[in-house]
Amino acid sequence: FTPQRLPIPIEQVESVDSICKRFKTGAMSYG
């Protein structure tokens, strides 16, 4: 990673609830 000169304000980062909506499990079948 190349460090940025200025950190991103926390207000501009998605909330935890929003980020978790992007998470999925892999396709592992019942069986």
PDB file of all heavy atoms in Angstrom:
ATOM      1  N   PHE A   1       0.833  -1.193   0.000  1.00  0.00           N
ATOM      2  CA  PHE A   1       0.000   0.000   0.000  1.00  0.00           C
ATOM      3  C   PHE A   1       0.875   1.253   0.000  1.00  0.00           C
ATOM      4  O   PHE A   1       1.866   1.329   0.733  1.00  0.00           O
ATOM      5  CB  PHE A   1      -0.905   0.030   1.231  1.00  0.00           C
ATOM      6  CG  PHE A   1      -1.925  -1.075   1.253  1.00  0.00           C
ATOM      7  CD1 PHE A   1      -1.805  -2.143   2.130  1.00  0.00           C
ATOM      8  CD2 PHE A   1      -3.015  -1.050   0.397  1.00  0.00           C
ATOM      9  CE1 PHE A   1      -2.739  -3.153   2.156  1.00  0.00           C
ATOM     10  CE2 PHE A   1      -3.953  -2.061   0.408  1.00  0.00           C
ATOM     11  CZ  PHE A   1      -3.816  -3.111   1.283  1.00  0.00           C
ATOM     12  N   THR A   2       0.507   2.224  -0.818  1.00  0.00           N
ATOM     13  CA  THR A   2       1.183   3.510  -0.808  1.00  0.00           C
ATOM     14  C   THR A   2       0.392   4.447   0.094  1.00  0.00           C
ATOM     15  O   THR A   2      -0.775   4.754  -0.189  1.00  0.00           O
ATOM     16  CB  THR A   2       1.253   4.114  -2.230  1.00  0.00           C
ATOM     17  OG1 THR A   2       1.962   3.210  -3.071  1.00  0.00           O
ATOM     18  CG2 THR A   2       1.958   5.458  -2.213  1.00  0.00           C
ATOM     19  N   PRO A   3       0.979   4.916   1.193  1.00  0.00           N
ATOM     20  CA  PRO A   3       0.230   5.749   2.136  1.00  0.00           C
ATOM     21  C   PRO A   3      -0.245   7.050   1.487  1.00  0.00           C
ATOM     22  O   PRO A   3       0.476   7.666   0.710  1.00  0.00           O
ATOM     23  CB  PRO A   3       1.241   6.028   3.248  1.00  0.00           C
ATOM     24  CG  PRO A   3       2.409   5.178   2.979  1.00  0.00           C
ATOM     25  CD  PRO A   3       2.364   4.712   1.587  1.00  0.00           C
ATOM     26  N   GLN A   4      -1.466   7.440   1.802  1.00  0.00           N
ATOM     27  CA  GLN A   4      -1.962   8.723   1.329  1.00  0.00           C
ATOM     28  C   GLN A   4      -1.427   9.848   2.212  1.00  0.00           C
ATOM     29  O   GLN A   4      -1.106   9.644   3.388  1.00  0.00           O
ATOM     30  CB  GLN A   4      -3.488   8.747   1.358  1.00  0.00           C
ATOM     31  CG  GLN A   4      -4.137   7.881   0.295  1.00  0.00           C
ATOM     32  CD  GLN A   4      -5.628   8.148   0.224  1.00  0.00           C
ATOM     33  OE1 GLN A   4      -6.237   8.496   1.216  1.00  0.00           O
ATOM     34  NE2 GLN A   4      -6.195   7.981  -0.962  1.00  0.00           N
ATOM     35  N   ARG A   5      -1.348  11.020   1.637  1.00  0.00           N
ATOM     36  CA  ARG A   5      -0.873  12.155   2.423  1.00  0.00           C
ATOM     37  C   ARG A   5      -1.886  12.526   3.504  1.00  0.00           C
ATOM     38  O   ARG A   5      -1.517  12.912   4.604  1.00  0.00           O
ATOM     39  CB  ARG A   5      -0.607  13.351   1.501  1.00  0.00           C
ATOM     40  CG  ARG A   5       0.523  13.116   0.507  1.00  0.00           C
ATOM     41  CD  ARG A   5       0.767  14.342  -0.342  1.00  0.00           C
ATOM     42  NE  ARG A   5       1.853  14.126  -1.300  1.00  0.00           N
ATOM     43  CZ  ARG A   5       2.264  15.034  -2.174  1.00  0.00           C
ATOM     44  NH1 ARG A   5       1.663  16.216  -2.229  1.00  0.00           N
ATOM     45  NH2 ARG A   5       3.253  14.762  -2.999  1.00  0.00           N
ATOM     46  N   LEU A   6      -3.166  12.439   3.141  1.00  0.00           N
ATOM     47  CA  LEU A   6      -4.210  12.792   4.094  1.00  0.00           C
ATOM     48  C   LEU A   6      -5.113  11.590   4.330  1.00  0.00           C
ATOM     49  O   LEU A   6      -5.566  10.964   3.364  1.00  0.00           O
ATOM     50  CB  LEU A   6      -5.040  13.972   3.569  1.00  0.00           C
ATOM     51  CG  LEU A   6      -4.291  15.297   3.382  1.00  0.00           C
ATOM     52  CD1 LEU A   6      -5.205  16.319   2.725  1.00  0.00           C
ATOM     53  CD2 LEU A   6      -3.762  15.809   4.713  1.00  0.00           C
ATOM     54  N   PRO A   7      -5.391  11.251   5.562  1.00  0.00           N
ATOM     55  CA  PRO A   7      -6.303  10.124   5.837  1.00  0.00           C
ATOM     56  C   PRO A   7      -7.729  10.478   5.425  1.00  0.00           C
ATOM     57  O   PRO A   7      -8.118  11.646   5.387  1.00  0.00           O
ATOM     58  CB  PRO A   7      -6.185   9.942   7.351  1.00  0.00           C
ATOM     59  CG  PRO A   7      -5.772  11.288   7.870  1.00  0.00           C
ATOM     60  CD  PRO A   7      -4.892  11.872   6.804  1.00  0.00           C
ATOM     61  N   ILE A   8      -8.495   9.449   5.101  1.00  0.00           N
ATOM     62  CA  ILE A   8      -9.890   9.651   4.725  1.00  0.00           C
ATOM     63  C   ILE A   8     -10.719   9.900   5.983  1.00  0.00           C
ATOM     64  O   ILE A   8     -10.645   9.113   6.934  1.00  0.00           O
ATOM     65  CB  ILE A   8     -10.428   8.420   3.971  1.00  0.00           C
ATOM     66  CG1 ILE A   8      -9.630   8.189   2.691  1.00  0.00           C
ATOM     67  CG2 ILE A   8     -11.907   8.582   3.644  1.00  0.00           C
ATOM     68  CD1 ILE A   8      -9.999   6.916   1.966  1.00  0.00           C
ATOM     69  N   PRO A   9     -11.505  10.945   6.035  1.00  0.00           N
ATOM     70  CA  PRO A   9     -12.358  11.204   7.207  1.00  0.00           C
ATOM     71  C   PRO A   9     -13.314  10.037   7.439  1.00  0.00           C
ATOM     72  O   PRO A   9     -13.857   9.466   6.475  1.00  0.00           O
ATOM     73  CB  PRO A   9     -13.119  12.481   6.834  1.00  0.00           C
ATOM     74  CG  PRO A   9     -12.270  13.134   5.786  1.00  0.00           C
ATOM     75  CD  PRO A   9     -11.625  12.017   5.031  1.00  0.00           C
ATOM     76  N   ILE A  10     -13.522   9.665   8.677  1.00  0.00           N
ATOM     77  CA  ILE A  10     -14.367   8.525   9.008  1.00  0.00           C
ATOM     78  C   ILE A  10     -15.793   8.720   8.506  1.00  0.00           C
ATOM     79  O   ILE A  10     -16.497   7.763   8.195  1.00  0.00           O
ATOM     80  CB  ILE A  10     -14.358   8.271  10.541  1.00  0.00           C
ATOM     81  CG1 ILE A  10     -15.023   6.931  10.877  1.00  0.00           C
ATOM     82  CG2 ILE A  10     -15.043   9.416  11.274  1.00  0.00           C
ATOM     83  CD1 ILE A  10     -14.312   5.734  10.336  1.00  0.00           C
ATOM     84  N   GLU A  11     -16.225   9.966   8.377  1.00  0.00           N
ATOM     85  CA  GLU A  11     -17.580  10.237   7.893  1.00  0.00           C
ATOM     86  C   GLU A  11     -17.764   9.801   6.447  1.00  0.00           C
ATOM     87  O   GLU A  11     -18.888   9.598   5.985  1.00  0.00           O
ATOM     88  CB  GLU A  11     -17.901  11.736   8.028  1.00  0.00           C
ATOM     89  CG  GLU A  11     -17.998  12.236   9.465  1.00  0.00           C
ATOM     90  CD  GLU A  11     -16.633  12.452  10.092  1.00  0.00           C
ATOM     91  OE1 GLU A  11     -15.630  12.470   9.319  1.00  0.00           O
ATOM     92  OE2 GLU A  11     -16.555  12.571  11.326  1.00  0.00           O
ATOM     93  N   GLN A  12     -16.662   9.703   5.688  1.00  0.00           N
ATOM     94  CA  GLN A  12     -16.741   9.321   4.286  1.00  0.00           C
ATOM     95  C   GLN A  12     -16.645   7.805   4.080  1.00  0.00           C
ATOM     96  O   GLN A  12     -16.749   7.319   2.956  1.00  0.00           O
ATOM     97  CB  GLN A  12     -15.633  10.013   3.490  1.00  0.00           C
ATOM     98  CG  GLN A  12     -15.740  11.530   3.467  1.00  0.00           C
ATOM     99  CD  GLN A  12     -14.635  12.172   2.652  1.00  0.00           C
ATOM    100  OE1 GLN A  12     -13.959  11.506   1.857  1.00  0.00           O
ATOM    101  NE2 GLN A  12     -14.432  13.468   2.842  1.00  0.00           N
ATOM    102  N   VAL A  13     -16.443   7.088   5.162  1.00  0.00           N
ATOM    103  CA  VAL A  13     -16.319   5.627   5.083  1.00  0.00           C
ATOM    104  C   VAL A  13     -17.681   4.995   5.350  1.00  0.00           C
ATOM    105  O   VAL A  13     -18.436   5.447   6.205  1.00  0.00           O
ATOM    106  CB  VAL A  13     -15.284   5.109   6.106  1.00  0.00           C
ATOM    107  CG1 VAL A  13     -15.185   3.588   6.039  1.00  0.00           C
ATOM    108  CG2 VAL A  13     -13.938   5.756   5.860  1.00  0.00           C
ATOM    109  N   GLU A  14     -17.998   3.940   4.610  1.00  0.00           N
ATOM    110  CA  GLU A  14     -19.271   3.251   4.830  1.00  0.00           C
ATOM    111  C   GLU A  14     -19.375   2.729   6.260  1.00  0.00           C
ATOM    112  O   GLU A  14     -18.372   2.363   6.888  1.00  0.00           O
ATOM    113  CB  GLU A  14     -19.405   2.069   3.866  1.00  0.00           C
ATOM    114  CG  GLU A  14     -19.695   2.447   2.434  1.00  0.00           C
ATOM    115  CD  GLU A  14     -20.051   1.222   1.598  1.00  0.00           C
ATOM    116  OE1 GLU A  14     -20.810   0.357   2.077  1.00  0.00           O
ATOM    117  OE2 GLU A  14     -19.563   1.125   0.463  1.00  0.00           O
ATOM    118  N   SER A  15     -20.585   2.668   6.751  1.00  0.00           N
ATOM    119  CA  SER A  15     -20.811   2.118   8.081  1.00  0.00           C
ATOM    120  C   SER A  15     -20.562   0.614   8.079  1.00  0.00           C
ATOM    121  O   SER A  15     -20.529  -0.024   7.027  1.00  0.00           O
ATOM    122  CB  SER A  15     -22.249   2.403   8.528  1.00  0.00           C
ATOM    123  OG  SER A  15     -23.156   1.682   7.711  1.00  0.00           O
ATOM    124  N   VAL A  16     -20.396   0.061   9.265  1.00  0.00           N
ATOM    125  CA  VAL A  16     -20.181  -1.384   9.386  1.00  0.00           C
ATOM    126  C   VAL A  16     -21.378  -2.146   8.824  1.00  0.00           C
ATOM    127  O   VAL A  16     -21.219  -3.148   8.115  1.00  0.00           O
ATOM    128  CB  VAL A  16     -19.938  -1.766  10.862  1.00  0.00           C
ATOM    129  CG1 VAL A  16     -19.922  -3.283  11.024  1.00  0.00           C
ATOM    130  CG2 VAL A  16     -18.640  -1.161  11.362  1.00  0.00           C
ATOM    131  N   ASP A  17     -22.592  -1.669   9.133  1.00  0.00           N
ATOM    132  CA  ASP A  17     -23.784  -2.342   8.620  1.00  0.00           C
ATOM    133  C   ASP A  17     -23.782  -2.379   7.097  1.00  0.00           C
ATOM    134  O   ASP A  17     -24.128  -3.395   6.482  1.00  0.00           O
ATOM    135  CB  ASP A  17     -25.045  -1.623   9.116  1.00  0.00           C
ATOM    136  CG  ASP A  17     -25.295  -1.853  10.593  1.00  0.00           C
ATOM    137  OD1 ASP A  17     -24.850  -2.897  11.093  1.00  0.00           O
ATOM    138  OD2 ASP A  17     -25.926  -1.005  11.236  1.00  0.00           O
ATOM    139  N   SER A  18     -23.373  -1.280   6.480  1.00  0.00           N
ATOM    140  CA  SER A  18     -23.352  -1.205   5.023  1.00  0.00           C
ATOM    141  C   SER A  18     -22.284  -2.118   4.431  1.00  0.00           C
ATOM    142  O   SER A  18     -22.512  -2.792   3.415  1.00  0.00           O
ATOM    143  CB  SER A  18     -23.112   0.240   4.579  1.00  0.00           C
ATOM    144  OG  SER A  18     -23.034   0.337   3.175  1.00  0.00           O
ATOM    145  N   ILE A  19     -21.112  -2.162   5.062  1.00  0.00           N
ATOM    146  CA  ILE A  19     -20.023  -3.010   4.569  1.00  0.00           C
ATOM    147  C   ILE A  19     -20.395  -4.488   4.674  1.00  0.00           C
ATOM    148  O   ILE A  19     -20.131  -5.277   3.756  1.00  0.00           O
ATOM    149  CB  ILE A  19     -18.721  -2.723   5.347  1.00  0.00           C
ATOM    150  CG1 ILE A  19     -18.212  -1.311   5.013  1.00  0.00           C
ATOM    151  CG2 ILE A  19     -17.647  -3.754   5.013  1.00  0.00           C
ATOM    152  CD1 ILE A  19     -17.032  -0.873   5.846  1.00  0.00           C
ATOM    153  N   CYS A  20     -21.041  -4.870   5.770  1.00  0.00           N
ATOM    154  CA  CYS A  20     -21.392  -6.280   5.967  1.00  0.00           C
ATOM    155  C   CYS A  20     -22.395  -6.771   4.934  1.00  0.00           C
ATOM    156  O   CYS A  20     -22.476  -7.967   4.659  1.00  0.00           O
ATOM    157  CB  CYS A  20     -21.934  -6.496   7.381  1.00  0.00           C
ATOM    158  SG  CYS A  20     -20.655  -6.458   8.662  1.00  0.00           S
ATOM    159  N   LYS A  21     -23.161  -5.861   4.347  1.00  0.00           N
ATOM    160  CA  LYS A  21     -24.096  -6.259   3.291  1.00  0.00           C
ATOM    161  C   LYS A  21     -23.363  -6.721   2.039  1.00  0.00           C
ATOM    162  O   LYS A  21     -23.949  -7.358   1.173  1.00  0.00           O
ATOM    163  CB  LYS A  21     -25.022  -5.094   2.950  1.00  0.00           C
ATOM    164  CG  LYS A  21     -26.011  -4.754   4.058  1.00  0.00           C
ATOM    165  CD  LYS A  21     -26.870  -3.557   3.684  1.00  0.00           C
ATOM    166  CE  LYS A  21     -27.841  -3.222   4.814  1.00  0.00           C
ATOM    167  NZ  LYS A  21     -28.667  -2.023   4.496  1.00  0.00           N
ATOM    168  N   ARG A  22     -22.090  -6.391   1.944  1.00  0.00           N
ATOM    169  CA  ARG A  22     -21.274  -6.798   0.793  1.00  0.00           C
ATOM    170  C   ARG A  22     -20.656  -8.187   0.993  1.00  0.00           C
ATOM    171  O   ARG A  22     -20.038  -8.724   0.088  1.00  0.00           O
ATOM    172  CB  ARG A  22     -20.158  -5.785   0.559  1.00  0.00           C
ATOM    173  CG  ARG A  22     -20.645  -4.369   0.273  1.00  0.00           C
ATOM    174  CD  ARG A  22     -19.452  -3.415   0.153  1.00  0.00           C
ATOM    175  NE  ARG A  22     -19.876  -2.046  -0.108  1.00  0.00           N
ATOM    176  CZ  ARG A  22     -20.073  -1.539  -1.324  1.00  0.00           C
ATOM    177  NH1 ARG A  22     -19.888  -2.291  -2.379  1.00  0.00           N
ATOM    178  NH2 ARG A  22     -20.442  -0.278  -1.482  1.00  0.00           N
ATOM    179  N   PHE A  23     -20.793  -8.757   2.185  1.00  0.00           N
ATOM    180  CA  PHE A  23     -20.179 -10.046   2.494  1.00  0.00           C
ATOM    181  C   PHE A  23     -21.121 -11.192   2.155  1.00  0.00           C
ATOM    182  O   PHE A  23     -22.323 -11.140   2.411  1.00  0.00           O
ATOM    183  CB  PHE A  23     -19.795 -10.122   3.967  1.00  0.00           C
ATOM    184  CG  PHE A  23     -18.708  -9.169   4.366  1.00  0.00           C
ATOM    185  CD1 PHE A  23     -18.559  -8.779   5.699  1.00  0.00           C
ATOM    186  CD2 PHE A  23     -17.830  -8.645   3.428  1.00  0.00           C
ATOM    187  CE1 PHE A  23     -17.559  -7.906   6.071  1.00  0.00           C
ATOM    188  CE2 PHE A  23     -16.831  -7.762   3.794  1.00  0.00           C
ATOM    189  CZ  PHE A  23     -16.685  -7.390   5.119  1.00  0.00           C
ATOM    190  N   LYS A  24     -20.538 -12.262   1.590  1.00  0.00           N
ATOM    191  CA  LYS A  24     -21.309 -13.435   1.215  1.00  0.00           C
ATOM    192  C   LYS A  24     -20.536 -14.692   1.589  1.00  0.00           C
ATOM    193  O   LYS A  24     -19.321 -14.647   1.791  1.00  0.00           O
ATOM    194  CB  LYS A  24     -21.572 -13.443  -0.303  1.00  0.00           C
ATOM    195  CG  LYS A  24     -22.306 -12.215  -0.825  1.00  0.00           C
ATOM    196  CD  LYS A  24     -22.454 -12.273  -2.335  1.00  0.00           C
ATOM    197  CE  LYS A  24     -23.252 -11.094  -2.871  1.00  0.00           C
ATOM    198  NZ  LYS A  24     -23.399 -11.136  -4.346  1.00  0.00           N
ATOM    199  N   THR A  25     -21.244 -15.794   1.674  1.00  0.00           N
ATOM    200  CA  THR A  25     -20.548 -17.065   1.843  1.00  0.00           C
ATOM    201  C   THR A  25     -20.319 -17.665   0.464  1.00  0.00           C
ATOM    202  O   THR A  25     -21.045 -17.380  -0.484  1.00  0.00           O
ATOM    203  CB  THR A  25     -21.351 -18.070   2.695  1.00  0.00           C
ATOM    204  OG1 THR A  25     -22.511 -18.494   1.963  1.00  0.00           O
ATOM    205  CG2 THR A  25     -21.790 -17.439   4.009  1.00  0.00           C
ATOM    206  N   GLY A  26     -19.295 -18.504   0.369  1.00  0.00           N
ATOM    207  CA  GLY A  26     -19.047 -19.199  -0.884  1.00  0.00           C
ATOM    208  C   GLY A  26     -20.146 -20.217  -1.147  1.00  0.00           C
ATOM    209  O   GLY A  26     -20.934 -20.558  -0.261  1.00  0.00           O
ATOM    210  N   ALA A  27     -20.197 -20.706  -2.377  1.00  0.00           N
ATOM    211  CA  ALA A  27     -21.235 -21.665  -2.770  1.00  0.00           C
ATOM    212  C   ALA A  27     -20.872 -23.053  -2.268  1.00  0.00           C
ATOM    213  O   ALA A  27     -20.201 -23.824  -2.946  1.00  0.00           O
ATOM    214  CB  ALA A  27     -21.402 -21.659  -4.282  1.00  0.00           C
ATOM    215  N   MET A  28     -21.320 -23.368  -1.054  1.00  0.00           N
ATOM    216  CA  MET A  28     -21.074 -24.680  -0.452  1.00  0.00           C
ATOM    217  C   MET A  28     -22.429 -25.336  -0.214  1.00  0.00           C
ATOM    218  O   MET A  28     -23.237 -24.848   0.563  1.00  0.00           O
ATOM    219  CB  MET A  28     -20.298 -24.520   0.856  1.00  0.00           C
ATOM    220  CG  MET A  28     -18.939 -23.875   0.651  1.00  0.00           C
ATOM    221  SD  MET A  28     -18.054 -23.491   2.180  1.00  0.00           S
ATOM    222  CE  MET A  28     -18.948 -22.039   2.751  1.00  0.00           C
ATOM    223  N   SER A  29     -22.690 -26.431  -0.897  1.00  0.00           N
ATOM    224  CA  SER A  29     -24.038 -26.986  -0.950  1.00  0.00           C
ATOM    225  C   SER A  29     -24.410 -27.774   0.295  1.00  0.00           C
ATOM    226  O   SER A  29     -23.555 -28.274   1.041  1.00  0.00           O
ATOM    227  CB  SER A  29     -24.182 -27.884  -2.179  1.00  0.00           C
ATOM    228  OG  SER A  29     -23.407 -29.061  -2.019  1.00  0.00           O
ATOM    229  N   TYR A  30     -25.738 -27.862   0.491  1.00  0.00           N
ATOM    230  CA  TYR A  30     -26.279 -28.781   1.490  1.00  0.00           C
ATOM    231  C   TYR A  30     -26.154 -30.170   0.888  1.00  0.00           C
ATOM    232  O   TYR A  30     -26.824 -30.513  -0.080  1.00  0.00           O
ATOM    233  CB  TYR A  30     -27.736 -28.432   1.782  1.00  0.00           C
ATOM    234  CG  TYR A  30     -28.458 -29.453   2.641  1.00  0.00           C
ATOM    235  CD1 TYR A  30     -27.883 -29.939   3.806  1.00  0.00           C
ATOM    236  CD2 TYR A  30     -29.716 -29.934   2.286  1.00  0.00           C
ATOM    237  CE1 TYR A  30     -28.540 -30.870   4.592  1.00  0.00           C
ATOM    238  CE2 TYR A  30     -30.384 -30.852   3.064  1.00  0.00           C
ATOM    239  CZ  TYR A  30     -29.789 -31.326   4.217  1.00  0.00           C
ATOM    240  OH  TYR A  30     -30.427 -32.260   5.000  1.00  0.00           O
ATOM    241  N   GLY A  31     -25.301 -30.938   1.443  1.00  0.00           N
ATOM    242  CA  GLY A  31     -24.919 -32.234   0.868  1.00  0.00           C
ATOM    243  C   GLY A  31     -23.416 -32.344   0.999  1.00  0.00           C
ATOM    244  O   GLY A  31     -22.892 -33.305   1.555  1.00  0.00           O
TER     245      GLY A  31
END
